[in-house]
């Protein structure tokens, strides 16, 4: 369960970062939280960057409490190797 949680968090972070990519003079972006934070950072709008990070933190906390904690408790109870 710990491995699944770690892999999920890492892949989500990678997808956030990959929403706005620049290579030379070419720029490709998707619509999402990562692109929102990237735009705010380039524009120098600290308030929007803070808002994006706050939304991301709330989402991660809600997902952790709603999905990962119950799965972790279930796996501790039912999938023990005693």
N, C-alpha and C. Protein backbone atom coordinates (compact mmCIF):
# COMPACT_ATOMS: atom_id res chain seq x y z
N UNK A 1 0.83 -1.18 0.00
CA UNK A 1 0.00 0.00 0.00
C UNK A 1 0.88 1.25 0.00
N UNK A 2 1.96 1.20 0.78
CA UNK A 2 2.85 2.36 0.82
C UNK A 2 3.45 2.63 -0.55
N UNK A 3 3.82 1.58 -1.25
CA UNK A 3 4.37 1.73 -2.60
C UNK A 3 3.36 2.32 -3.57
N UNK A 4 2.11 1.89 -3.47
CA UNK A 4 1.06 2.42 -4.33
C UNK A 4 0.83 3.90 -4.05
N UNK A 5 0.82 4.26 -2.80
CA UNK A 5 0.64 5.66 -2.42
C UNK A 5 1.80 6.52 -2.93
N UNK A 6 3.01 6.04 -2.76
CA UNK A 6 4.18 6.78 -3.22
C UNK A 6 4.19 6.92 -4.74
N UNK A 7 3.89 5.84 -5.45
CA UNK A 7 3.85 5.88 -6.91
C UNK A 7 2.77 6.82 -7.41
N UNK A 8 1.62 6.79 -6.76
CA UNK A 8 0.52 7.67 -7.15
C UNK A 8 0.90 9.13 -6.98
N UNK A 9 1.51 9.46 -5.85
CA UNK A 9 1.93 10.85 -5.61
C UNK A 9 2.98 11.30 -6.59
N UNK A 10 3.94 10.45 -6.88
CA UNK A 10 4.99 10.80 -7.83
C UNK A 10 4.46 11.00 -9.23
N UNK A 11 3.56 10.13 -9.66
CA UNK A 11 3.00 10.27 -11.01
C UNK A 11 2.10 11.50 -11.11
N UNK A 12 1.39 11.82 -10.04
CA UNK A 12 0.56 13.02 -10.06
C UNK A 12 1.43 14.27 -10.14
N UNK A 13 2.53 14.30 -9.40
CA UNK A 13 3.45 15.43 -9.47
C UNK A 13 4.02 15.57 -10.87
N UNK A 14 4.39 14.46 -11.49
CA UNK A 14 4.93 14.51 -12.85
C UNK A 14 3.90 15.03 -13.84
N UNK A 15 2.65 14.64 -13.68
CA UNK A 15 1.62 15.12 -14.60
C UNK A 15 1.34 16.60 -14.42
N UNK A 16 1.43 17.10 -13.19
CA UNK A 16 1.26 18.54 -12.94
C UNK A 16 2.37 19.32 -13.64
N UNK A 17 3.61 18.85 -13.49
CA UNK A 17 4.75 19.53 -14.09
C UNK A 17 4.69 19.46 -15.61
N UNK A 18 4.22 18.35 -16.16
CA UNK A 18 4.20 18.14 -17.60
C UNK A 18 3.08 18.91 -18.31
N UNK A 19 2.24 19.62 -17.61
CA UNK A 19 1.17 20.38 -18.26
C UNK A 19 1.68 21.59 -19.02
N UNK A 20 2.85 22.07 -18.72
CA UNK A 20 3.42 23.21 -19.44
C UNK A 20 4.88 22.89 -19.75
N UNK A 21 5.18 22.66 -21.03
CA UNK A 21 6.52 22.26 -21.45
C UNK A 21 7.03 23.22 -22.51
N UNK A 22 8.28 23.63 -22.37
CA UNK A 22 8.92 24.48 -23.37
C UNK A 22 10.19 23.80 -23.86
N UNK A 23 10.41 23.86 -25.16
CA UNK A 23 11.62 23.32 -25.76
C UNK A 23 12.06 24.31 -26.81
N UNK A 24 13.11 25.06 -26.51
CA UNK A 24 13.55 26.11 -27.43
C UNK A 24 12.48 27.19 -27.52
N UNK A 25 12.04 27.46 -28.76
CA UNK A 25 10.99 28.47 -28.94
C UNK A 25 9.60 27.85 -29.02
N UNK A 26 9.51 26.56 -28.82
CA UNK A 26 8.22 25.87 -28.88
C UNK A 26 7.66 25.67 -27.48
N UNK A 27 6.37 25.97 -27.32
CA UNK A 27 5.71 25.85 -26.02
C UNK A 27 4.42 25.07 -26.19
N UNK A 28 4.27 24.00 -25.41
CA UNK A 28 3.07 23.16 -25.45
C UNK A 28 2.49 23.11 -24.04
N UNK A 29 1.18 23.24 -23.96
CA UNK A 29 0.57 23.17 -22.63
C UNK A 29 -0.81 22.56 -22.68
N UNK A 30 -1.19 21.97 -21.57
CA UNK A 30 -2.52 21.42 -21.37
C UNK A 30 -3.28 22.36 -20.45
N UNK A 31 -4.54 22.12 -20.30
CA UNK A 31 -5.35 22.93 -19.39
C UNK A 31 -5.43 22.18 -18.06
N UNK A 32 -4.99 22.83 -17.00
CA UNK A 32 -5.03 22.18 -15.70
C UNK A 32 -4.31 23.00 -14.66
N UNK A 33 -4.19 22.43 -13.50
CA UNK A 33 -3.60 23.12 -12.36
C UNK A 33 -2.12 23.45 -12.59
N UNK A 34 -1.38 22.53 -13.19
CA UNK A 34 0.03 22.78 -13.46
C UNK A 34 0.23 23.95 -14.41
N UNK A 35 -0.58 24.03 -15.47
CA UNK A 35 -0.49 25.15 -16.41
C UNK A 35 -0.89 26.45 -15.73
N UNK A 36 -1.89 26.40 -14.86
CA UNK A 36 -2.31 27.59 -14.11
C UNK A 36 -1.17 28.12 -13.25
N UNK A 37 -0.49 27.23 -12.53
CA UNK A 37 0.62 27.64 -11.67
C UNK A 37 1.78 28.15 -12.52
N UNK A 38 2.05 27.49 -13.66
CA UNK A 38 3.14 27.93 -14.55
C UNK A 38 2.86 29.33 -15.09
N UNK A 39 1.63 29.59 -15.55
CA UNK A 39 1.27 30.93 -16.05
C UNK A 39 1.42 31.98 -14.97
N UNK A 40 0.95 31.67 -13.77
CA UNK A 40 1.04 32.63 -12.67
C UNK A 40 2.50 32.90 -12.30
N UNK A 41 3.33 31.88 -12.37
CA UNK A 41 4.75 32.05 -12.06
C UNK A 41 5.43 32.94 -13.09
N UNK A 42 5.18 32.68 -14.37
CA UNK A 42 5.78 33.49 -15.44
C UNK A 42 5.31 34.93 -15.34
N UNK A 43 4.04 35.14 -15.00
CA UNK A 43 3.49 36.50 -14.88
C UNK A 43 3.95 37.19 -13.60
N UNK A 44 4.56 36.46 -12.69
CA UNK A 44 5.01 37.05 -11.43
C UNK A 44 3.88 37.35 -10.47
N UNK A 45 2.78 36.63 -10.62
CA UNK A 45 1.60 36.85 -9.78
C UNK A 45 1.65 35.89 -8.59
N UNK A 46 2.25 36.33 -7.51
CA UNK A 46 2.45 35.48 -6.34
C UNK A 46 1.13 35.03 -5.72
N UNK A 47 0.12 35.87 -5.78
CA UNK A 47 -1.19 35.50 -5.22
C UNK A 47 -1.80 34.32 -5.94
N UNK A 48 -1.70 34.31 -7.28
CA UNK A 48 -2.25 33.19 -8.05
C UNK A 48 -1.42 31.92 -7.87
N UNK A 49 -0.11 32.08 -7.71
CA UNK A 49 0.74 30.91 -7.44
C UNK A 49 0.33 30.31 -6.10
N UNK A 50 0.16 31.15 -5.09
CA UNK A 50 -0.25 30.67 -3.77
C UNK A 50 -1.62 30.00 -3.84
N UNK A 51 -2.54 30.57 -4.62
CA UNK A 51 -3.87 29.97 -4.77
C UNK A 51 -3.75 28.59 -5.42
N UNK A 52 -2.94 28.47 -6.46
CA UNK A 52 -2.76 27.18 -7.13
C UNK A 52 -2.17 26.14 -6.20
N UNK A 53 -1.17 26.53 -5.43
CA UNK A 53 -0.55 25.61 -4.48
C UNK A 53 -1.54 25.22 -3.38
N UNK A 54 -2.35 26.18 -2.93
CA UNK A 54 -3.35 25.89 -1.90
C UNK A 54 -4.40 24.90 -2.42
N UNK A 55 -4.86 25.10 -3.65
CA UNK A 55 -5.84 24.17 -4.24
C UNK A 55 -5.22 22.79 -4.37
N UNK A 56 -3.98 22.73 -4.81
CA UNK A 56 -3.30 21.45 -4.95
C UNK A 56 -3.17 20.76 -3.58
N UNK A 57 -2.83 21.52 -2.55
CA UNK A 57 -2.69 20.96 -1.20
C UNK A 57 -4.01 20.44 -0.68
N UNK A 58 -5.08 21.18 -0.90
CA UNK A 58 -6.40 20.73 -0.46
C UNK A 58 -6.82 19.46 -1.18
N UNK A 59 -6.54 19.39 -2.49
CA UNK A 59 -6.89 18.21 -3.26
C UNK A 59 -6.13 16.99 -2.74
N UNK A 60 -4.84 17.15 -2.50
CA UNK A 60 -4.02 16.04 -2.02
C UNK A 60 -4.50 15.58 -0.64
N UNK A 61 -4.80 16.53 0.24
CA UNK A 61 -5.28 16.19 1.58
C UNK A 61 -6.62 15.46 1.50
N UNK A 62 -7.54 15.95 0.68
CA UNK A 62 -8.84 15.31 0.54
C UNK A 62 -8.71 13.90 -0.04
N UNK A 63 -7.86 13.73 -1.04
CA UNK A 63 -7.66 12.41 -1.63
C UNK A 63 -7.03 11.45 -0.63
N UNK A 64 -6.10 11.96 0.15
CA UNK A 64 -5.45 11.14 1.17
C UNK A 64 -6.47 10.65 2.21
N UNK A 65 -7.31 11.54 2.68
CA UNK A 65 -8.29 11.17 3.71
C UNK A 65 -9.41 10.30 3.16
N UNK A 66 -9.84 10.57 1.92
CA UNK A 66 -10.98 9.84 1.35
C UNK A 66 -10.60 8.49 0.75
N UNK A 67 -9.38 8.37 0.23
CA UNK A 67 -9.00 7.14 -0.46
C UNK A 67 -7.86 6.39 0.22
N UNK A 68 -6.73 7.04 0.40
CA UNK A 68 -5.54 6.33 0.84
C UNK A 68 -5.60 5.88 2.30
N UNK A 69 -6.10 6.70 3.19
CA UNK A 69 -6.20 6.27 4.59
C UNK A 69 -7.09 5.05 4.76
N UNK A 70 -8.31 5.05 4.18
CA UNK A 70 -9.14 3.85 4.31
C UNK A 70 -8.49 2.61 3.68
N UNK A 71 -7.84 2.77 2.53
CA UNK A 71 -7.16 1.63 1.92
C UNK A 71 -6.02 1.12 2.79
N UNK A 72 -5.30 2.05 3.38
CA UNK A 72 -4.20 1.66 4.25
C UNK A 72 -4.70 0.92 5.48
N UNK A 73 -5.78 1.43 6.09
CA UNK A 73 -6.36 0.74 7.25
C UNK A 73 -6.88 -0.64 6.87
N UNK A 74 -7.53 -0.73 5.71
CA UNK A 74 -8.02 -2.02 5.23
C UNK A 74 -6.86 -3.01 5.05
N UNK A 75 -5.81 -2.55 4.43
CA UNK A 75 -4.68 -3.45 4.18
C UNK A 75 -4.00 -3.86 5.48
N UNK A 76 -3.95 -2.98 6.47
CA UNK A 76 -3.40 -3.35 7.77
C UNK A 76 -4.24 -4.43 8.46
N UNK A 77 -5.56 -4.32 8.34
CA UNK A 77 -6.48 -5.26 8.98
C UNK A 77 -6.54 -6.60 8.24
N UNK A 78 -6.71 -6.56 6.96
CA UNK A 78 -7.06 -7.76 6.21
C UNK A 78 -5.89 -8.46 5.49
N UNK A 79 -4.82 -7.74 5.23
CA UNK A 79 -3.77 -8.31 4.40
C UNK A 79 -2.47 -8.50 5.19
N UNK A 80 -2.59 -8.83 6.42
CA UNK A 80 -1.44 -9.03 7.30
C UNK A 80 -0.77 -10.36 7.05
N UNK A 81 0.52 -10.40 7.18
CA UNK A 81 1.26 -11.67 7.01
C UNK A 81 1.79 -12.14 8.37
N UNK A 82 0.90 -12.42 9.27
CA UNK A 82 1.30 -12.90 10.61
C UNK A 82 1.50 -14.39 10.63
